[in-house]
């Protein structure tokens, strides 16, 4: 795959994540949640201060057929500012995106989630 095509795949996943955050939090605008340019350092989805309070995650996106999960999660951790939790979003062709996060954090937070019954 050409580098340009690979970057386009990654960009589409970042934009999908941005759109999902905006859909989940209608009070946020495109000024609060933005997909970064490919090759930029730091988080793949930039969040305003208001967005960080509602969605306290630093998103790292990997849209590839073979993900090195541990290395990718290490990258997410390295790019996570203080006060946020790393969140790795992975996708491959023909499959739905998946989220990888710290299990201890997930289980600590799950009682606070509003699960639909």
N, C-alpha and C. Protein backbone atom coordinates (compact mmCIF):
# COMPACT_ATOMS: atom_id res chain seq x y z
N UNK A 1 0.84 -1.18 0.00
CA UNK A 1 0.00 0.00 0.00
C UNK A 1 0.89 1.24 0.00
N UNK A 2 0.51 2.21 -0.79
CA UNK A 2 1.26 3.46 -0.85
C UNK A 2 1.10 4.22 0.47
N UNK A 3 2.13 4.98 0.80
CA UNK A 3 2.10 5.76 2.04
C UNK A 3 0.91 6.71 2.05
N UNK A 4 0.60 7.30 0.90
CA UNK A 4 -0.52 8.23 0.81
C UNK A 4 -1.85 7.53 1.12
N UNK A 5 -2.01 6.30 0.62
CA UNK A 5 -3.23 5.53 0.88
C UNK A 5 -3.33 5.14 2.35
N UNK A 6 -2.20 4.75 2.93
CA UNK A 6 -2.19 4.38 4.35
C UNK A 6 -2.57 5.58 5.22
N UNK A 7 -2.05 6.75 4.89
CA UNK A 7 -2.38 7.95 5.66
C UNK A 7 -3.86 8.30 5.51
N UNK A 8 -4.41 8.08 4.31
CA UNK A 8 -5.83 8.35 4.08
C UNK A 8 -6.69 7.42 4.94
N UNK A 9 -6.30 6.14 5.05
CA UNK A 9 -7.03 5.20 5.91
C UNK A 9 -7.00 5.67 7.37
N UNK A 10 -5.83 6.07 7.82
CA UNK A 10 -5.68 6.56 9.19
C UNK A 10 -6.50 7.82 9.42
N UNK A 11 -6.49 8.72 8.45
CA UNK A 11 -7.26 9.96 8.56
C UNK A 11 -8.76 9.67 8.67
N UNK A 12 -9.25 8.72 7.87
CA UNK A 12 -10.67 8.37 7.93
C UNK A 12 -11.06 7.84 9.32
N UNK A 13 -10.19 7.03 9.93
CA UNK A 13 -10.49 6.52 11.27
C UNK A 13 -10.48 7.65 12.29
N UNK A 14 -9.53 8.56 12.20
CA UNK A 14 -9.49 9.71 13.11
C UNK A 14 -10.76 10.54 12.97
N UNK A 15 -11.19 10.77 11.73
CA UNK A 15 -12.39 11.56 11.50
C UNK A 15 -13.63 10.83 12.00
N UNK A 16 -13.64 9.50 11.86
CA UNK A 16 -14.75 8.71 12.38
C UNK A 16 -14.82 8.86 13.90
N UNK A 17 -13.67 8.79 14.57
CA UNK A 17 -13.62 8.95 16.03
C UNK A 17 -14.12 10.34 16.42
N UNK A 18 -13.65 11.36 15.71
CA UNK A 18 -14.12 12.73 15.97
C UNK A 18 -15.64 12.80 15.87
N UNK A 19 -16.18 12.23 14.80
CA UNK A 19 -17.62 12.26 14.58
C UNK A 19 -18.38 11.51 15.68
N UNK A 20 -17.83 10.40 16.15
CA UNK A 20 -18.47 9.63 17.22
C UNK A 20 -18.51 10.43 18.52
N UNK A 21 -17.44 11.13 18.83
CA UNK A 21 -17.40 11.96 20.04
C UNK A 21 -18.43 13.08 19.93
N UNK A 22 -18.45 13.74 18.76
CA UNK A 22 -19.41 14.83 18.57
C UNK A 22 -20.85 14.34 18.65
N UNK A 23 -21.11 13.16 18.13
CA UNK A 23 -22.46 12.59 18.19
C UNK A 23 -22.84 12.21 19.63
N UNK A 24 -21.86 11.72 20.38
CA UNK A 24 -22.12 11.29 21.76
C UNK A 24 -22.33 12.46 22.71
N UNK A 25 -21.74 13.60 22.38
CA UNK A 25 -21.82 14.78 23.23
C UNK A 25 -22.31 15.96 22.40
N UNK A 26 -23.62 16.09 22.23
CA UNK A 26 -24.17 17.12 21.34
C UNK A 26 -23.82 18.56 21.73
N UNK A 27 -23.42 18.78 22.99
CA UNK A 27 -23.05 20.13 23.39
C UNK A 27 -21.70 20.56 22.82
N UNK A 28 -20.92 19.61 22.33
CA UNK A 28 -19.61 19.93 21.74
C UNK A 28 -19.76 20.31 20.29
N UNK A 29 -18.82 21.13 19.81
CA UNK A 29 -18.81 21.54 18.41
C UNK A 29 -17.51 21.08 17.75
N UNK A 30 -17.40 21.30 16.46
CA UNK A 30 -16.17 20.95 15.74
C UNK A 30 -14.98 21.75 16.24
N UNK A 31 -15.22 22.86 16.89
CA UNK A 31 -14.13 23.63 17.50
C UNK A 31 -13.59 22.93 18.75
N UNK A 32 -14.40 22.06 19.35
CA UNK A 32 -14.00 21.35 20.57
C UNK A 32 -13.30 20.03 20.28
N UNK A 33 -13.59 19.42 19.14
CA UNK A 33 -13.06 18.10 18.81
C UNK A 33 -12.57 18.14 17.36
N UNK A 34 -11.28 17.89 17.16
CA UNK A 34 -10.72 17.98 15.81
C UNK A 34 -9.74 16.84 15.54
N UNK A 35 -9.79 16.33 14.34
CA UNK A 35 -8.83 15.33 13.89
C UNK A 35 -7.54 16.05 13.54
N UNK A 36 -6.41 15.55 14.02
CA UNK A 36 -5.14 16.21 13.73
C UNK A 36 -4.62 15.81 12.35
N UNK A 37 -3.67 16.56 11.84
CA UNK A 37 -3.08 16.21 10.55
C UNK A 37 -2.20 14.98 10.72
N UNK A 38 -2.08 14.21 9.67
CA UNK A 38 -1.28 13.00 9.71
C UNK A 38 0.18 13.37 9.94
N UNK A 39 0.83 12.64 10.82
CA UNK A 39 2.24 12.89 11.11
C UNK A 39 2.45 13.89 12.24
N UNK A 40 1.38 14.52 12.70
CA UNK A 40 1.51 15.45 13.82
C UNK A 40 1.72 14.65 15.10
N UNK A 41 2.52 15.17 15.98
CA UNK A 41 2.77 14.49 17.24
C UNK A 41 1.60 14.66 18.19
N UNK A 42 1.53 13.83 19.20
CA UNK A 42 0.49 13.95 20.21
C UNK A 42 -0.75 13.17 19.86
N UNK A 43 -1.85 13.58 20.46
CA UNK A 43 -3.11 12.87 20.29
C UNK A 43 -3.60 12.96 18.84
N UNK A 44 -4.28 11.92 18.39
CA UNK A 44 -4.83 11.92 17.03
C UNK A 44 -6.11 12.73 16.93
N UNK A 45 -6.82 12.87 18.04
CA UNK A 45 -8.03 13.68 18.09
C UNK A 45 -7.82 14.72 19.18
N UNK A 46 -7.74 15.97 18.78
CA UNK A 46 -7.51 17.05 19.73
C UNK A 46 -8.82 17.44 20.40
N UNK A 47 -8.74 17.69 21.71
CA UNK A 47 -9.92 18.02 22.49
C UNK A 47 -9.73 19.35 23.21
N UNK A 48 -10.77 20.18 23.20
CA UNK A 48 -10.73 21.43 23.96
C UNK A 48 -10.83 21.09 25.45
N UNK A 49 -10.66 22.08 26.28
CA UNK A 49 -10.79 21.89 27.72
C UNK A 49 -12.17 21.37 28.08
N UNK A 50 -13.19 21.91 27.45
CA UNK A 50 -14.56 21.46 27.72
C UNK A 50 -14.73 20.01 27.28
N UNK A 51 -14.20 19.67 26.11
CA UNK A 51 -14.32 18.30 25.60
C UNK A 51 -13.59 17.31 26.51
N UNK A 52 -12.46 17.71 27.06
CA UNK A 52 -11.69 16.82 27.95
C UNK A 52 -12.46 16.50 29.22
N UNK A 53 -13.29 17.42 29.67
CA UNK A 53 -14.10 17.16 30.87
C UNK A 53 -15.19 16.14 30.58
N UNK A 54 -15.75 16.20 29.39
CA UNK A 54 -16.82 15.27 29.01
C UNK A 54 -16.28 13.93 28.52
N UNK A 55 -15.16 13.97 27.85
CA UNK A 55 -14.56 12.78 27.23
C UNK A 55 -13.08 12.76 27.61
N UNK A 56 -12.74 12.20 28.78
CA UNK A 56 -11.37 12.32 29.30
C UNK A 56 -10.39 11.28 28.75
N UNK A 57 -10.32 11.19 27.43
CA UNK A 57 -9.45 10.20 26.79
C UNK A 57 -8.56 10.84 25.73
N UNK A 58 -7.34 10.32 25.65
CA UNK A 58 -6.42 10.70 24.59
C UNK A 58 -6.49 9.60 23.54
N UNK A 59 -7.02 9.92 22.37
CA UNK A 59 -7.29 8.93 21.33
C UNK A 59 -6.08 8.73 20.42
N UNK A 60 -5.70 7.48 20.27
CA UNK A 60 -4.67 7.06 19.30
C UNK A 60 -5.37 6.11 18.32
N UNK A 61 -5.27 6.38 17.03
CA UNK A 61 -5.96 5.58 16.01
C UNK A 61 -4.96 4.78 15.18
N UNK A 62 -5.29 3.53 14.92
CA UNK A 62 -4.49 2.65 14.06
C UNK A 62 -5.44 1.93 13.11
N UNK A 63 -5.36 2.25 11.83
CA UNK A 63 -6.20 1.63 10.82
C UNK A 63 -5.28 0.81 9.91
N UNK A 64 -5.07 -0.44 10.29
CA UNK A 64 -4.13 -1.30 9.59
C UNK A 64 -4.54 -2.75 9.76
N UNK A 65 -4.07 -3.60 8.87
CA UNK A 65 -4.45 -5.01 8.93
C UNK A 65 -3.81 -5.72 10.11
N UNK A 66 -2.62 -5.34 10.48
CA UNK A 66 -1.93 -5.98 11.61
C UNK A 66 -1.46 -4.92 12.58
N UNK A 67 -2.07 -4.92 13.74
CA UNK A 67 -1.74 -3.92 14.76
C UNK A 67 -0.83 -4.56 15.79
N UNK A 68 0.23 -3.88 16.11
CA UNK A 68 1.07 -4.28 17.24
C UNK A 68 0.46 -3.60 18.46
N UNK A 69 -0.45 -4.33 19.10
CA UNK A 69 -1.29 -3.74 20.15
C UNK A 69 -0.46 -3.12 21.26
N UNK A 70 0.53 -3.84 21.77
CA UNK A 70 1.30 -3.32 22.91
C UNK A 70 2.08 -2.08 22.52
N UNK A 71 2.72 -2.10 21.35
CA UNK A 71 3.47 -0.92 20.90
C UNK A 71 2.53 0.25 20.65
N UNK A 72 1.39 -0.03 20.07
CA UNK A 72 0.42 1.03 19.79
C UNK A 72 -0.12 1.63 21.08
N UNK A 73 -0.40 0.78 22.08
CA UNK A 73 -0.90 1.28 23.35
C UNK A 73 0.19 2.07 24.07
N UNK A 74 1.45 1.63 23.96
CA UNK A 74 2.56 2.40 24.54
C UNK A 74 2.62 3.79 23.92
N UNK A 75 2.40 3.88 22.60
CA UNK A 75 2.38 5.18 21.92
C UNK A 75 1.23 6.03 22.44
N UNK A 76 0.07 5.41 22.62
CA UNK A 76 -1.08 6.15 23.16
C UNK A 76 -0.75 6.70 24.55
N UNK A 77 -0.13 5.87 25.40
CA UNK A 77 0.24 6.32 26.74
C UNK A 77 1.24 7.46 26.68
N UNK A 78 2.22 7.36 25.79
CA UNK A 78 3.24 8.40 25.67
C UNK A 78 2.65 9.74 25.22
N UNK A 79 1.56 9.69 24.44
CA UNK A 79 0.94 10.90 23.92
C UNK A 79 -0.21 11.41 24.79
N UNK A 80 -0.42 10.80 25.96
CA UNK A 80 -1.54 11.17 26.81
C UNK A 80 -1.15 12.26 27.79
N UNK A 81 -1.80 13.42 27.69
CA UNK A 81 -1.53 14.49 28.65
C UNK A 81 -2.07 14.12 30.03
N UNK A 82 -1.55 14.78 31.04
CA UNK A 82 -2.00 14.54 32.41
C UNK A 82 -3.49 14.81 32.52
N UNK A 83 -4.17 13.96 33.24
CA UNK A 83 -5.60 14.13 33.44
C UNK A 83 -6.47 13.35 32.47
N UNK A 84 -5.86 12.76 31.45
CA UNK A 84 -6.61 11.95 30.48
C UNK A 84 -6.15 10.50 30.55
N UNK A 85 -6.97 9.63 30.01
CA UNK A 85 -6.63 8.20 29.92
C UNK A 85 -6.35 7.86 28.46
N UNK A 86 -5.35 7.01 28.20
CA UNK A 86 -5.09 6.60 26.81
C UNK A 86 -6.20 5.69 26.30
N UNK A 87 -6.55 5.89 25.04
CA UNK A 87 -7.59 5.11 24.39
C UNK A 87 -7.11 4.79 22.97
N UNK A 88 -6.89 3.52 22.71
CA UNK A 88 -6.43 3.07 21.40
C UNK A 88 -7.63 2.59 20.60
N UNK A 89 -7.83 3.14 19.41
CA UNK A 89 -8.90 2.71 18.51
C UNK A 89 -8.22 2.01 17.33
N UNK A 90 -8.57 0.74 17.14
CA UNK A 90 -7.95 -0.03 16.05
C UNK A 90 -9.03 -0.47 15.07
N UNK A 91 -8.62 -0.58 13.81
CA UNK A 91 -9.54 -1.01 12.77
C UNK A 91 -8.75 -1.70 11.67
N UNK A 92 -9.41 -2.68 11.03
CA UNK A 92 -8.85 -3.29 9.83
C UNK A 92 -9.96 -3.38 8.80
N UNK A 93 -9.60 -3.60 7.56
CA UNK A 93 -10.59 -3.67 6.49
C UNK A 93 -11.66 -4.70 6.79
N UNK A 94 -12.90 -4.33 6.58
CA UNK A 94 -14.01 -5.26 6.74
C UNK A 94 -14.41 -5.54 8.17
N UNK A 95 -13.82 -4.87 9.13
CA UNK A 95 -14.14 -5.09 10.54
C UNK A 95 -14.54 -3.78 11.20
N UNK A 96 -15.34 -3.90 12.23
CA UNK A 96 -15.73 -2.72 13.01
C UNK A 96 -14.54 -2.26 13.85
N UNK A 97 -14.46 -0.97 14.13
CA UNK A 97 -13.40 -0.47 15.00
C UNK A 97 -13.53 -1.05 16.41
N UNK A 98 -12.39 -1.25 17.06
CA UNK A 98 -12.34 -1.74 18.44
C UNK A 98 -11.61 -0.72 19.30
N UNK A 99 -11.90 -0.75 20.60
CA UNK A 99 -11.23 0.13 21.56
C UNK A 99 -10.39 -0.71 22.49
N UNK A 100 -9.17 -0.26 22.76
CA UNK A 100 -8.28 -0.90 23.73
C UNK A 100 -8.00 0.15 24.80
N UNK A 101 -8.23 -0.24 26.05
CA UNK A 101 -7.95 0.67 27.15
C UNK A 101 -7.46 -0.13 28.36
N UNK A 102 -6.94 0.57 29.34
CA UNK A 102 -6.47 -0.06 30.56
C UNK A 102 -7.63 -0.75 31.27
N UNK A 103 -7.49 -2.04 31.54
CA UNK A 103 -8.58 -2.83 32.13
C UNK A 103 -8.93 -2.36 33.53
N UNK A 104 -7.94 -2.03 34.35
CA UNK A 104 -8.23 -1.56 35.71
C UNK A 104 -9.06 -0.29 35.67
N UNK A 105 -8.70 0.64 34.77
CA UNK A 105 -9.48 1.87 34.65
C UNK A 105 -10.91 1.54 34.22
N UNK A 106 -11.06 0.66 33.24
CA UNK A 106 -12.39 0.29 32.76
C UNK A 106 -13.25 -0.25 33.90
N UNK A 107 -12.72 -1.20 34.67
CA UNK A 107 -13.52 -1.80 35.74
C UNK A 107 -13.79 -0.83 36.88
N UNK A 108 -12.89 0.11 37.12
CA UNK A 108 -13.15 1.15 38.13
C UNK A 108 -14.31 2.04 37.69
N UNK A 109 -14.36 2.33 36.41
CA UNK A 109 -15.35 3.27 35.88
C UNK A 109 -16.68 2.63 35.51
N UNK A 110 -16.69 1.33 35.25
CA UNK A 110 -17.91 0.72 34.72
C UNK A 110 -19.13 0.87 35.65
N UNK A 111 -18.98 0.88 36.97
CA UNK A 111 -20.19 1.11 37.79
C UNK A 111 -20.81 2.50 37.57
N UNK A 112 -20.01 3.45 37.09
CA UNK A 112 -20.50 4.81 36.87
C UNK A 112 -21.21 4.96 35.53
N UNK A 113 -21.02 4.01 34.64
CA UNK A 113 -21.63 4.10 33.31
C UNK A 113 -23.13 3.83 33.39
N UNK A 114 -23.85 4.46 32.53
CA UNK A 114 -25.30 4.28 32.47
C UNK A 114 -25.61 3.26 31.40
N UNK A 115 -25.66 2.01 31.80
CA UNK A 115 -25.93 0.92 30.86
C UNK A 115 -27.42 0.86 30.59
N UNK A 116 -27.78 0.80 29.32
CA UNK A 116 -29.20 0.66 28.97
C UNK A 116 -29.64 -0.76 29.26
N UNK A 117 -30.84 -0.92 29.80
CA UNK A 117 -31.33 -2.25 30.16
C UNK A 117 -32.43 -2.67 29.22
